[in-house]
C-alpha atoms as a PDB file:
ATOM      1  CA  MET A   1     -16.127 -74.029 -59.217  1.00  0.00           C
ATOM      2  CA  PRO A   2     -12.892 -72.052 -59.392  1.00  0.00           C
ATOM      3  CA  GLU A   3     -11.504 -71.281 -62.836  1.00  0.00           C
ATOM      4  CA  HIS A   4      -8.230 -73.028 -63.646  1.00  0.00           C
ATOM      5  CA  LYS A   5      -5.594 -71.745 -66.039  1.00  0.00           C
ATOM      6  CA  TYR A   6      -3.496 -73.914 -68.326  1.00  0.00           C
ATOM      7  CA  ARG A   7      -0.216 -73.503 -70.176  1.00  0.00           C
ATOM      8  CA  PHE A   8       1.035 -75.502 -73.291  1.00  0.00           C
ATOM      9  CA  ASN A   9       4.209 -77.418 -72.602  1.00  0.00           C
ATOM     10  CA  PRO A  10       6.246 -77.820 -75.854  1.00  0.00           C
ATOM     11  CA  ASP A  11       8.292 -80.585 -74.338  1.00  0.00           C
ATOM     12  CA  THR A  12       5.352 -82.815 -73.621  1.00  0.00           C
ATOM     13  CA  LEU A  13       3.114 -81.337 -76.294  1.00  0.00           C
ATOM     14  CA  LYS A  14       0.361 -81.123 -73.690  1.00  0.00           C
ATOM     15  CA  PHE A  15      -1.626 -78.397 -71.877  1.00  0.00           C
ATOM     16  CA  GLU A  16      -0.624 -78.451 -68.275  1.00  0.00           C
ATOM     17  CA  ARG A  17      -2.492 -76.824 -65.372  1.00  0.00           C
ATOM     18  CA  LEU A  18      -0.788 -73.765 -63.952  1.00  0.00           C
ATOM     19  CA  ARG A  19      -0.007 -74.021 -60.225  1.00  0.00           C
ATOM     20  CA  LEU A  20       0.977 -70.782 -58.356  1.00  0.00           C
ATOM     21  CA  THR A  21       3.571 -70.741 -55.640  1.00  0.00           C
ATOM     22  CA  PRO A  22       2.568 -69.298 -52.255  1.00  0.00           C
ATOM     23  CA  TRP A  23       4.543 -66.126 -52.937  1.00  0.00           C
ATOM     24  CA  GLN A  24       2.782 -65.668 -56.266  1.00  0.00           C
ATOM     25  CA  ARG A  25      -0.542 -66.137 -54.542  1.00  0.00           C
ATOM     26  CA  VAL A  26       0.403 -63.452 -51.990  1.00  0.00           C
ATOM     27  CA  LYS A  27       1.429 -61.020 -54.723  1.00  0.00           C
ATOM     28  CA  ARG A  28      -1.785 -61.598 -56.644  1.00  0.00           C
ATOM     29  CA  LEU A  29      -3.841 -61.084 -53.480  1.00  0.00           C
ATOM     30  CA  ALA A  30      -1.903 -57.913 -52.709  1.00  0.00           C
ATOM     31  CA  LEU A  31      -2.555 -56.580 -56.212  1.00  0.00           C
ATOM     32  CA  VAL A  32      -6.231 -57.280 -55.782  1.00  0.00           C
ATOM     33  CA  LEU A  33      -6.464 -55.714 -52.314  1.00  0.00           C
ATOM     34  CA  LEU A  34      -4.140 -52.719 -52.895  1.00  0.00           C
ATOM     35  CA  PRO A  35      -6.672 -50.456 -54.682  1.00  0.00           C
ATOM     36  CA  GLY A  36      -9.241 -51.054 -51.980  1.00  0.00           C
ATOM     37  CA  LEU A  37      -6.650 -50.464 -49.294  1.00  0.00           C
ATOM     38  CA  LEU A  38      -5.586 -47.176 -50.888  1.00  0.00           C
ATOM     39  CA  VAL A  39      -9.186 -46.043 -51.241  1.00  0.00           C
ATOM     40  CA  GLY A  40      -9.786 -46.968 -47.607  1.00  0.00           C
ATOM     41  CA  LEU A  41      -6.732 -45.077 -46.365  1.00  0.00           C
ATOM     42  CA  ILE A  42      -7.689 -42.003 -48.374  1.00  0.00           C
ATOM     43  CA  GLY A  43     -11.209 -42.193 -47.000  1.00  0.00           C
ATOM     44  CA  ILE A  44      -9.963 -42.523 -43.426  1.00  0.00           C
ATOM     45  CA  ALA A  45      -7.610 -39.568 -43.947  1.00  0.00           C
ATOM     46  CA  LEU A  46     -10.450 -37.466 -45.308  1.00  0.00           C
ATOM     47  CA  VAL A  47     -12.699 -38.457 -42.424  1.00  0.00           C
ATOM     48  CA  TYR A  48     -10.056 -37.546 -39.810  1.00  0.00           C
ATOM     49  CA  GLN A  49      -9.378 -34.298 -41.667  1.00  0.00           C
ATOM     50  CA  PHE A  50     -12.949 -33.051 -41.700  1.00  0.00           C
ATOM     51  CA  VAL A  51     -14.755 -35.093 -39.073  1.00  0.00           C
ATOM     52  CA  ASP A  52     -13.674 -35.081 -35.411  1.00  0.00           C
ATOM     53  CA  SER A  53     -13.445 -38.266 -33.463  1.00  0.00           C
ATOM     54  CA  PRO A  54     -15.525 -38.442 -30.273  1.00  0.00           C
ATOM     55  CA  LYS A  55     -12.369 -37.869 -28.198  1.00  0.00           C
ATOM     56  CA  GLU A  56     -11.306 -34.886 -30.314  1.00  0.00           C
ATOM     57  CA  ALA A  57     -14.809 -33.440 -30.172  1.00  0.00           C
ATOM     58  CA  GLY A  58     -14.758 -33.775 -26.375  1.00  0.00           C
ATOM     59  CA  LEU A  59     -11.361 -32.105 -26.134  1.00  0.00           C
ATOM     60  CA  LYS A  60     -12.501 -29.227 -28.348  1.00  0.00           C
ATOM     61  CA  ARG A  61     -15.589 -28.693 -26.199  1.00  0.00           C
ATOM     62  CA  GLU A  62     -13.377 -28.725 -23.120  1.00  0.00           C
ATOM     63  CA  ASN A  63     -10.976 -26.192 -24.665  1.00  0.00           C
ATOM     64  CA  GLN A  64     -13.862 -23.910 -25.603  1.00  0.00           C
ATOM     65  CA  GLN A  65     -15.180 -24.112 -22.061  1.00  0.00           C
ATOM     66  CA  LEU A  66     -11.713 -23.317 -20.669  1.00  0.00           C
ATOM     67  CA  LEU A  67     -11.364 -20.317 -22.999  1.00  0.00           C
ATOM     68  CA  LEU A  68     -14.777 -19.090 -21.880  1.00  0.00           C
ATOM     69  CA  GLN A  69     -13.669 -19.401 -18.249  1.00  0.00           C
ATOM     70  CA  TYR A  70     -10.479 -17.455 -19.040  1.00  0.00           C
ATOM     71  CA  GLU A  71     -12.586 -14.699 -20.591  1.00  0.00           C
ATOM     72  CA  LEU A  72     -14.758 -14.564 -17.461  1.00  0.00           C
ATOM     73  CA  ILE A  73     -11.632 -14.491 -15.265  1.00  0.00           C
ATOM     74  CA  ASN A  74     -10.208 -11.617 -17.324  1.00  0.00           C
ATOM     75  CA  LYS A  75     -13.470  -9.702 -16.921  1.00  0.00           C
ATOM     76  CA  GLN A  76     -13.341 -10.245 -13.159  1.00  0.00           C
ATOM     77  CA  LEU A  77      -9.679  -9.185 -13.154  1.00  0.00           C
ATOM     78  CA  GLY A  78     -10.718  -5.967 -14.864  1.00  0.00           C
ATOM     79  CA  ASP A  79     -13.253  -5.331 -12.088  1.00  0.00           C
ATOM     80  CA  VAL A  80     -10.621  -6.039  -9.405  1.00  0.00           C
ATOM     81  CA  GLU A  81      -8.117  -3.751 -11.138  1.00  0.00           C
ATOM     82  CA  GLN A  82     -10.716  -0.974 -11.193  1.00  0.00           C
ATOM     83  CA  VAL A  83     -11.349  -1.408  -7.459  1.00  0.00           C
ATOM     84  CA  LEU A  84      -7.597  -1.410  -6.783  1.00  0.00           C
ATOM     85  CA  HIS A  85      -7.211   1.747  -8.878  1.00  0.00           C
ATOM     86  CA  ASP A  86      -9.916   3.426  -6.807  1.00  0.00           C
ATOM     87  CA  VAL A  87      -8.192   2.337  -3.558  1.00  0.00           C
ATOM     88  CA  ARG A  88      -4.883   3.715  -4.852  1.00  0.00           C
ATOM     89  CA  ARG A  89      -6.550   7.004  -5.765  1.00  0.00           C
ATOM     90  CA  ARG A  90      -8.092   7.277  -2.311  1.00  0.00           C
ATOM     91  CA  ASP A  91      -4.782   6.312  -0.726  1.00  0.00           C
ATOM     92  CA  ASP A  92      -2.812   8.995  -2.557  1.00  0.00           C
ATOM     93  CA  ASN A  93      -5.394  11.798  -2.673  1.00  0.00           C
ATOM     94  CA  ILE A  94      -7.377  11.345   0.548  1.00  0.00           C
ATOM     95  CA  TYR A  95      -5.770   9.139   3.186  1.00  0.00           C
ATOM     96  CA  ARG A  96      -2.217  10.418   2.738  1.00  0.00           C
ATOM     97  CA  VAL A  97      -3.348  14.017   2.325  1.00  0.00           C
ATOM     98  CA  ILE A  98      -5.203  13.795   5.651  1.00  0.00           C
ATOM     99  CA  PHE A  99      -2.139  12.424   7.403  1.00  0.00           C
ATOM    100  CA  GLU A 100       0.360  14.772   5.680  1.00  0.00           C
ATOM    101  CA  ALA A 101       2.158  11.878   3.949  1.00  0.00           C
ATOM    102  CA  ASP A 102       3.608  11.853   0.445  1.00  0.00           C
ATOM    103  CA  PRO A 103       1.919   9.567  -2.144  1.00  0.00           C
ATOM    104  CA  LEU A 104       3.698   6.340  -3.003  1.00  0.00           C
ATOM    105  CA  PRO A 105       5.944   6.795  -6.068  1.00  0.00           C
ATOM    106  CA  GLU A 106       4.718   5.054  -9.200  1.00  0.00           C
ATOM    107  CA  THR A 107       8.082   3.258  -9.504  1.00  0.00           C
ATOM    108  CA  MET A 108       7.353   1.537  -6.188  1.00  0.00           C
ATOM    109  CA  ARG A 109       3.850   0.556  -7.241  1.00  0.00           C
ATOM    110  CA  GLN A 110       5.179  -0.973 -10.490  1.00  0.00           C
ATOM    111  CA  ALA A 111       8.287  -2.578  -8.932  1.00  0.00           C
ATOM    112  CA  GLY A 112       9.181  -6.057 -10.154  1.00  0.00           C
ATOM    113  CA  ILE A 113       6.766  -6.224 -13.088  1.00  0.00           C
ATOM    114  CA  GLY A 114       9.465  -6.346 -15.785  1.00  0.00           C
ATOM    115  CA  GLY A 115      12.326  -8.812 -16.128  1.00  0.00           C
ATOM    116  CA  VAL A 116      12.871 -12.186 -17.835  1.00  0.00           C
ATOM    117  CA  ASN A 117      10.141 -14.087 -19.663  1.00  0.00           C
ATOM    118  CA  ARG A 118       8.426 -16.045 -16.897  1.00  0.00           C
ATOM    119  CA  TYR A 119       5.796 -17.499 -19.225  1.00  0.00           C
ATOM    120  CA  LYS A 120       7.986 -19.383 -21.679  1.00  0.00           C
ATOM    121  CA  ASP A 121       6.478 -22.749 -20.682  1.00  0.00           C
ATOM    122  CA  LEU A 122       2.988 -21.472 -21.544  1.00  0.00           C
ATOM    123  CA  GLU A 123       3.869 -20.408 -25.097  1.00  0.00           C
ATOM    124  CA  GLY A 124       3.454 -22.400 -28.304  1.00  0.00           C
ATOM    125  CA  TYR A 125      -0.180 -23.434 -27.830  1.00  0.00           C
ATOM    126  CA  ALA A 126      -3.337 -22.338 -29.620  1.00  0.00           C
ATOM    127  CA  SER A 127      -4.600 -20.574 -26.491  1.00  0.00           C
ATOM    128  CA  SER A 128      -1.205 -19.264 -25.321  1.00  0.00           C
ATOM    129  CA  ASP A 129      -2.147 -15.602 -25.799  1.00  0.00           C
ATOM    130  CA  VAL A 130      -5.138 -15.883 -23.480  1.00  0.00           C
ATOM    131  CA  VAL A 131      -3.335 -18.003 -20.875  1.00  0.00           C
ATOM    132  CA  VAL A 132      -0.170 -15.885 -20.823  1.00  0.00           C
ATOM    133  CA  GLY A 133      -2.156 -12.629 -20.758  1.00  0.00           C
ATOM    134  CA  THR A 134      -4.262 -13.828 -17.827  1.00  0.00           C
ATOM    135  CA  ARG A 135      -1.233 -15.089 -15.922  1.00  0.00           C
ATOM    136  CA  ARG A 136       0.597 -11.803 -16.479  1.00  0.00           C
ATOM    137  CA  ARG A 137      -2.372  -9.764 -15.234  1.00  0.00           C
ATOM    138  CA  LEU A 138      -2.592 -11.965 -12.140  1.00  0.00           C
ATOM    139  CA  ASP A 139       1.117 -11.483 -11.382  1.00  0.00           C
ATOM    140  CA  ILE A 140       0.877  -7.710 -11.820  1.00  0.00           C
ATOM    141  CA  LEU A 141      -2.247  -7.575  -9.661  1.00  0.00           C
ATOM    142  CA  ASP A 142      -0.565  -9.691  -6.996  1.00  0.00           C
ATOM    143  CA  ARG A 143       2.412  -7.310  -6.778  1.00  0.00           C
ATOM    144  CA  GLN A 144       0.222  -4.209  -6.775  1.00  0.00           C
ATOM    145  CA  LEU A 145      -1.977  -5.635  -4.022  1.00  0.00           C
ATOM    146  CA  TYR A 146       1.121  -6.375  -1.955  1.00  0.00           C
ATOM    147  CA  VAL A 147       2.432  -2.823  -2.366  1.00  0.00           C
ATOM    148  CA  GLN A 148      -1.014  -1.401  -1.606  1.00  0.00           C
ATOM    149  CA  SER A 149      -1.282  -3.525   1.527  1.00  0.00           C
ATOM    150  CA  LEU A 150       2.036  -2.091   2.732  1.00  0.00           C
ATOM    151  CA  SER A 151       0.763   1.415   1.996  1.00  0.00           C
ATOM    152  CA  LEU A 152      -2.451   0.832   3.927  1.00  0.00           C
ATOM    153  CA  ASP A 153      -0.418  -0.567   6.831  1.00  0.00           C
ATOM    154  CA  GLU A 154       1.534   2.697   6.804  1.00  0.00           C
ATOM    155  CA  VAL A 155      -1.699   4.722   6.680  1.00  0.00           C
ATOM    156  CA  ALA A 156      -3.050   2.683   9.608  1.00  0.00           C
ATOM    157  CA  ALA A 157       0.093   3.510  11.587  1.00  0.00           C
ATOM    158  CA  LEU A 158      -0.335   7.181  10.659  1.00  0.00           C
ATOM    159  CA  ALA A 159      -3.935   7.032  11.879  1.00  0.00           C
ATOM    160  CA  LEU A 160      -2.825   5.623  15.227  1.00  0.00           C
ATOM    161  CA  ASN A 161      -0.275   8.424  15.401  1.00  0.00           C
ATOM    162  CA  LYS A 162      -2.726  11.096  14.237  1.00  0.00           C
ATOM    163  CA  GLN A 163      -3.347  12.540  17.704  1.00  0.00           C
ATOM    164  CA  GLN A 164       0.363  13.050  18.290  1.00  0.00           C
ATOM    165  CA  MET A 165       0.787  14.500  14.793  1.00  0.00           C
ATOM    166  CA  LEU A 166      -2.070  16.967  15.308  1.00  0.00           C
ATOM    167  CA  ALA A 167      -0.456  18.091  18.559  1.00  0.00           C
ATOM    168  CA  CYS A 168       2.840  18.721  16.760  1.00  0.00           C
ATOM    169  CA  ILE A 169       1.612  20.581  13.674  1.00  0.00           C
ATOM    170  CA  PRO A 170       1.712  24.385  14.199  1.00  0.00           C
ATOM    171  CA  ALA A 171      -1.902  25.432  14.784  1.00  0.00           C
ATOM    172  CA  ILE A 172      -2.071  28.639  16.855  1.00  0.00           C
ATOM    173  CA  GLN A 173      -0.708  32.182  16.741  1.00  0.00           C
ATOM    174  CA  PRO A 174       2.591  32.595  18.565  1.00  0.00           C
ATOM    175  CA  VAL A 175       1.323  35.857  20.101  1.00  0.00           C
ATOM    176  CA  ASN A 176      -2.151  36.108  21.629  1.00  0.00           C
ATOM    177  CA  ASN A 177      -4.607  38.391  19.829  1.00  0.00           C
ATOM    178  CA  LYS A 178      -5.115  40.576  22.917  1.00  0.00           C
ATOM    179  CA  ASP A 179      -1.369  41.302  23.035  1.00  0.00           C
ATOM    180  CA  LEU A 180      -1.064  42.296  19.368  1.00  0.00           C
ATOM    181  CA  THR A 181      -0.694  45.866  18.206  1.00  0.00           C
ATOM    182  CA  ARG A 182      -1.197  44.745  14.616  1.00  0.00           C
ATOM    183  CA  VAL A 183      -0.026  42.304  11.968  1.00  0.00           C
ATOM    184  CA  ALA A 184       2.690  44.329  10.328  1.00  0.00           C
ATOM    185  CA  SER A 185       3.560  42.197   7.348  1.00  0.00           C
ATOM    186  CA  GLY A 186       2.682  38.832   5.893  1.00  0.00           C
ATOM    187  CA  TYR A 187       4.233  36.171   3.706  1.00  0.00           C
ATOM    188  CA  GLY A 188       5.457  37.167   0.236  1.00  0.00           C
ATOM    189  CA  MET A 189       7.398  39.879  -1.582  1.00  0.00           C
ATOM    190  CA  ARG A 190       7.787  42.910   0.690  1.00  0.00           C
ATOM    191  CA  MET A 191       9.865  46.090   0.923  1.00  0.00           C
ATOM    192  CA  HIS A 192      12.849  45.445   3.193  1.00  0.00           C
ATOM    193  CA  PRO A 193      12.884  48.181   5.897  1.00  0.00           C
ATOM    194  CA  ILE A 194      16.664  48.591   5.916  1.00  0.00           C
ATOM    195  CA  LEU A 195      17.851  47.545   2.466  1.00  0.00           C
ATOM    196  CA  LYS A 196      14.892  49.340   0.804  1.00  0.00           C
ATOM    197  CA  ILE A 197      14.526  46.710  -1.881  1.00  0.00           C
ATOM    198  CA  ILE A 198      11.704  44.309  -2.714  1.00  0.00           C
ATOM    199  CA  LYS A 199      12.661  41.065  -0.996  1.00  0.00           C
ATOM    200  CA  PHE A 200      10.904  37.824  -0.227  1.00  0.00           C
ATOM    201  CA  HIS A 201       9.534  37.790   3.306  1.00  0.00           C
ATOM    202  CA  ALA A 202       9.386  34.123   4.394  1.00  0.00           C
ATOM    203  CA  GLY A 203       7.208  34.629   7.472  1.00  0.00           C
ATOM    204  CA  MET A 204       4.776  36.911   9.266  1.00  0.00           C
ATOM    205  CA  ASP A 205       5.532  39.887  11.543  1.00  0.00           C
ATOM    206  CA  PHE A 206       3.424  40.453  14.683  1.00  0.00           C
ATOM    207  CA  THR A 207       3.967  43.851  16.290  1.00  0.00           C
ATOM    208  CA  ALA A 208       3.643  43.823  20.079  1.00  0.00           C
ATOM    209  CA  PRO A 209       5.283  45.586  23.026  1.00  0.00           C
ATOM    210  CA  THR A 210       8.692  44.394  24.125  1.00  0.00           C
ATOM    211  CA  GLY A 211       8.297  41.633  26.713  1.00  0.00           C
ATOM    212  CA  THR A 212       5.064  40.233  25.239  1.00  0.00           C
ATOM    213  CA  GLU A 213       4.934  36.477  25.715  1.00  0.00           C
ATOM    214  CA  VAL A 214       5.682  34.242  22.706  1.00  0.00           C
ATOM    215  CA  ARG A 215       4.183  30.742  22.725  1.00  0.00           C
ATOM    216  CA  ALA A 216       5.145  27.519  20.929  1.00  0.00           C
ATOM    217  CA  THR A 217       2.602  26.837  18.202  1.00  0.00           C
ATOM    218  CA  GLY A 218       2.957  23.039  18.402  1.00  0.00           C
ATOM    219  CA  ASP A 219       4.638  20.242  20.332  1.00  0.00           C
ATOM    220  CA  GLY A 220       8.283  19.705  19.471  1.00  0.00           C
ATOM    221  CA  THR A 221      11.926  19.933  20.433  1.00  0.00           C
ATOM    222  CA  VAL A 222      13.927  23.162  20.639  1.00  0.00           C
ATOM    223  CA  THR A 223      16.873  22.952  18.240  1.00  0.00           C
ATOM    224  CA  PHE A 224      18.115  26.545  18.657  1.00  0.00           C
ATOM    225  CA  ALA A 225      17.641  29.128  21.401  1.00  0.00           C
ATOM    226  CA  ASP A 226      20.293  31.829  21.253  1.00  0.00           C
ATOM    227  CA  TYR A 227      21.550  34.895  19.402  1.00  0.00           C
ATOM    228  CA  SER A 228      22.873  34.619  15.849  1.00  0.00           C
ATOM    229  CA  SER A 229      24.205  37.079  13.297  1.00  0.00           C
ATOM    230  CA  ASP A 230      21.902  35.927  10.472  1.00  0.00           C
ATOM    231  CA  GLY A 231      19.514  38.845  11.026  1.00  0.00           C
ATOM    232  CA  PHE A 232      17.059  37.125  13.367  1.00  0.00           C
ATOM    233  CA  GLY A 233      18.924  38.221  16.481  1.00  0.00           C
ATOM    234  CA  ILE A 234      17.830  36.241  19.510  1.00  0.00           C
ATOM    235  CA  HIS A 235      15.547  33.544  18.161  1.00  0.00           C
ATOM    236  CA  VAL A 236      14.167  30.076  18.798  1.00  0.00           C
ATOM    237  CA  ILE A 237      13.749  27.218  16.349  1.00  0.00           C
ATOM    238  CA  ILE A 238      11.478  24.265  17.169  1.00  0.00           C
ATOM    239  CA  ASP A 239      11.485  20.955  15.319  1.00  0.00           C
ATOM    240  CA  HIS A 240       7.927  19.582  15.437  1.00  0.00           C
ATOM    241  CA  GLY A 241       8.609  16.390  13.497  1.00  0.00           C
ATOM    242  CA  TYR A 242       6.501  15.351  10.510  1.00  0.00           C
ATOM    243  CA  ASP A 243       8.692  17.683   8.369  1.00  0.00           C
ATOM    244  CA  TYR A 244       7.518  20.785  10.291  1.00  0.00           C
ATOM    245  CA  GLU A 245       9.747  23.448  11.848  1.00  0.00           C
ATOM    246  CA  THR A 246       8.976  26.922  13.237  1.00  0.00           C
ATOM    247  CA  LEU A 247      11.177  29.961  13.829  1.00  0.00           C
ATOM    248  CA  TYR A 248      10.551  32.826  16.298  1.00  0.00           C
ATOM    249  CA  GLY A 249      12.846  35.775  15.588  1.00  0.00           C
ATOM    250  CA  HIS A 250      13.981  39.104  17.109  1.00  0.00           C
ATOM    251  CA  LEU A 251      13.214  38.034  20.704  1.00  0.00           C
ATOM    252  CA  ASP A 252      14.185  40.072  23.705  1.00  0.00           C
ATOM    253  CA  GLU A 253      14.722  36.950  25.796  1.00  0.00           C
ATOM    254  CA  VAL A 254      14.427  33.169  25.439  1.00  0.00           C
ATOM    255  CA  LYS A 255      12.690  31.007  28.038  1.00  0.00           C
ATOM    256  CA  VAL A 256      13.788  27.611  26.743  1.00  0.00           C
ATOM    257  CA  ARG A 257      17.057  25.846  26.051  1.00  0.00           C
ATOM    258  CA  ARG A 258      18.307  23.719  23.188  1.00  0.00           C
ATOM    259  CA  GLY A 259      17.070  20.122  23.350  1.00  0.00           C
ATOM    260  CA  GLN A 260      14.085  20.998  25.560  1.00  0.00           C
ATOM    261  CA  LYS A 261      10.714  19.384  24.808  1.00  0.00           C
ATOM    262  CA  VAL A 262       7.860  21.885  24.569  1.00  0.00           C
ATOM    263  CA  LYS A 263       4.089  21.636  24.243  1.00  0.00           C
ATOM    264  CA  ARG A 264       1.774  23.824  22.218  1.00  0.00           C
ATOM    265  CA  GLY A 265       1.157  27.016  24.190  1.00  0.00           C
ATOM    266  CA  ASP A 266       4.342  26.782  26.290  1.00  0.00           C
ATOM    267  CA  LEU A 267       6.186  30.056  26.873  1.00  0.00           C
ATOM    268  CA  ILE A 268       9.367  30.059  24.800  1.00  0.00           C
ATOM    269  CA  GLY A 269      10.426  33.740  24.760  1.00  0.00           C
ATOM    270  CA  LEU A 270       9.532  37.422  24.878  1.00  0.00           C
ATOM    271  CA  VAL A 271       8.972  39.833  21.986  1.00  0.00           C
ATOM    272  CA  GLY A 272      11.989  42.052  21.341  1.00  0.00           C
ATOM    273  CA  ASN A 273      13.850  44.127  18.791  1.00  0.00           C
ATOM    274  CA  THR A 274      17.133  42.231  18.360  1.00  0.00           C
ATOM    275  CA  GLY A 275      18.927  41.502  15.114  1.00  0.00           C
ATOM    276  CA  LEU A 276      18.036  43.165  11.819  1.00  0.00           C
ATOM    277  CA  SER A 277      14.812  44.789  13.056  1.00  0.00           C
ATOM    278  CA  THR A 278      13.272  48.265  13.004  1.00  0.00           C
ATOM    279  CA  GLY A 279      10.881  47.907  15.930  1.00  0.00           C
ATOM    280  CA  PRO A 280       9.568  45.510  18.589  1.00  0.00           C
ATOM    281  CA  HIS A 281       7.894  42.593  16.850  1.00  0.00           C
ATOM    282  CA  LEU A 282       7.964  38.840  16.412  1.00  0.00           C
ATOM    283  CA  HIS A 283       9.055  37.406  13.090  1.00  0.00           C
ATOM    284  CA  TYR A 284       7.383  33.981  12.776  1.00  0.00           C
ATOM    285  CA  GLU A 285       8.083  31.341  10.127  1.00  0.00           C
ATOM    286  CA  VAL A 286       6.677  27.890   9.396  1.00  0.00           C
ATOM    287  CA  HIS A 287       8.757  25.440   7.365  1.00  0.00           C
ATOM    288  CA  LYS A 288       7.404  22.260   5.738  1.00  0.00           C
ATOM    289  CA  GLY A 289       9.896  19.820   4.273  1.00  0.00           C
ATOM    290  CA  GLY A 290      12.676  22.382   4.662  1.00  0.00           C
ATOM    291  CA  GLN A 291      10.833  25.069   2.696  1.00  0.00           C
ATOM    292  CA  PRO A 292       9.020  28.128   4.120  1.00  0.00           C
ATOM    293  CA  VAL A 293       5.226  28.125   3.812  1.00  0.00           C
ATOM    294  CA  ASP A 294       2.624  30.779   4.580  1.00  0.00           C
ATOM    295  CA  PRO A 295       2.068  30.820   8.387  1.00  0.00           C
ATOM    296  CA  ALA A 296      -1.447  32.191   7.864  1.00  0.00           C
ATOM    297  CA  ASN A 297      -2.533  28.657   6.969  1.00  0.00           C
ATOM    298  CA  TYR A 298      -1.572  27.356  10.435  1.00  0.00           C
ATOM    299  CA  TYR A 299      -3.785  29.304  12.868  1.00  0.00           C
ATOM    300  CA  PHE A 300      -6.857  27.080  12.712  1.00  0.00           C
ATOM    301  CA  ASN A 301      -6.948  26.151  16.421  1.00  0.00           C
ATOM    302  CA  ASP A 302      -7.481  29.547  18.038  1.00  0.00           C
ATOM    303  CA  LEU A 303      -9.159  31.798  15.443  1.00  0.00           C
ATOM    304  CA  THR A 304     -12.805  32.089  14.431  1.00  0.00           C
ATOM    305  CA  PRO A 305     -13.525  32.142  10.694  1.00  0.00           C
ATOM    306  CA  GLU A 306     -14.026  35.897  10.858  1.00  0.00           C
ATOM    307  CA  GLU A 307     -10.746  36.452  12.730  1.00  0.00           C
ATOM    308  CA  TYR A 308      -8.911  34.186  10.312  1.00  0.00           C
ATOM    309  CA  ALA A 309     -10.303  36.000   7.259  1.00  0.00           C
ATOM    310  CA  ARG A 310      -9.260  39.362   8.708  1.00  0.00           C
ATOM    311  CA  LEU A 311      -5.779  38.044   9.562  1.00  0.00           C
ATOM    312  CA  VAL A 312      -5.289  36.750   6.030  1.00  0.00           C
ATOM    313  CA  GLN A 313      -6.441  40.081   4.601  1.00  0.00           C
ATOM    314  CA  LEU A 314      -4.014  42.013   6.795  1.00  0.00           C
ATOM    315  CA  SER A 315      -1.129  39.667   6.067  1.00  0.00           C
ATOM    316  CA  ARG A 316      -1.649  40.048   2.304  1.00  0.00           C
ATOM    317  CA  ASN A 317      -1.108  43.815   2.421  1.00  0.00           C
ATOM    318  CA  ALA A 318       2.067  44.568   0.523  1.00  0.00           C
ATOM    319  CA  SER A 319       3.416  46.751   3.313  1.00  0.00           C
ATOM    320  CA  GLN A 320       6.989  47.141   4.436  1.00  0.00           C
ATOM    321  CA  SER A 321       8.188  44.377   6.709  1.00  0.00           C
ATOM    322  CA  PHE A 322       9.879  44.995  10.073  1.00  0.00           C
ATOM    323  CA  ASP A 323      12.920  42.829   9.215  1.00  0.00           C
END
């Protein structure tokens, strides 16, 4: 039986039963329930703080699995990058060396990697570092693979053109061994026969009788076939392409004309003693990329190893040149 409360009424001099209004009842109920409600809310807060809900636990497991997959992807990216590095090394140091092509500049390989922040939308999350790092590596790898594919396309074209290139590169002596008196002077610092000073000799001198045949050492196009006052007298210059050019100086007579196409072994002139020369001989130069190089390295098609070794030894003698 519920307990009733009474209040003394001085007007009626009687104890009257107290009757609460609905609002008072609500306030009393709220006062009774409030402590329990506060304890409940605090408990729920503590539970959510330290204990994951099933949905949160599932999401955390999913995130951990995704991070593990990102780590595996990064490991695989490292393997791919190592393979690409090896392909680049082979491209620069083997393929392009074989085909006489310059390596790709590093600026071209790294082109387009910098610039604005393309990963702004991926930032601000707990796993942003991993996601952004993986995405950046993928973008860099994508660009490098594209550049490398272009390089390999170029190497493939060089391979298809290899036969023509080999025909153009100087590869024989301009004067046949049986026609030579001797190799007078080679490439390097030599005593000039007229000026009597040590001067750089940019070619090789082959002494032979006047009228000895001079042959083109590679396929190409004649760019000069006349007399000039630069010391070479009557001489021929052949552009072989692929950055190669040869010069045949002090000729007695030319057998080709400017603009003429020649093949390796074609007769282009006769040994003479024109220009700044002290005796019948052929002054022969090989230029690569506009710079003179040692002609002794370009006789591999018609000399045995023994003949080549002897030629190199003779050409290295610091004797006086003929021009």
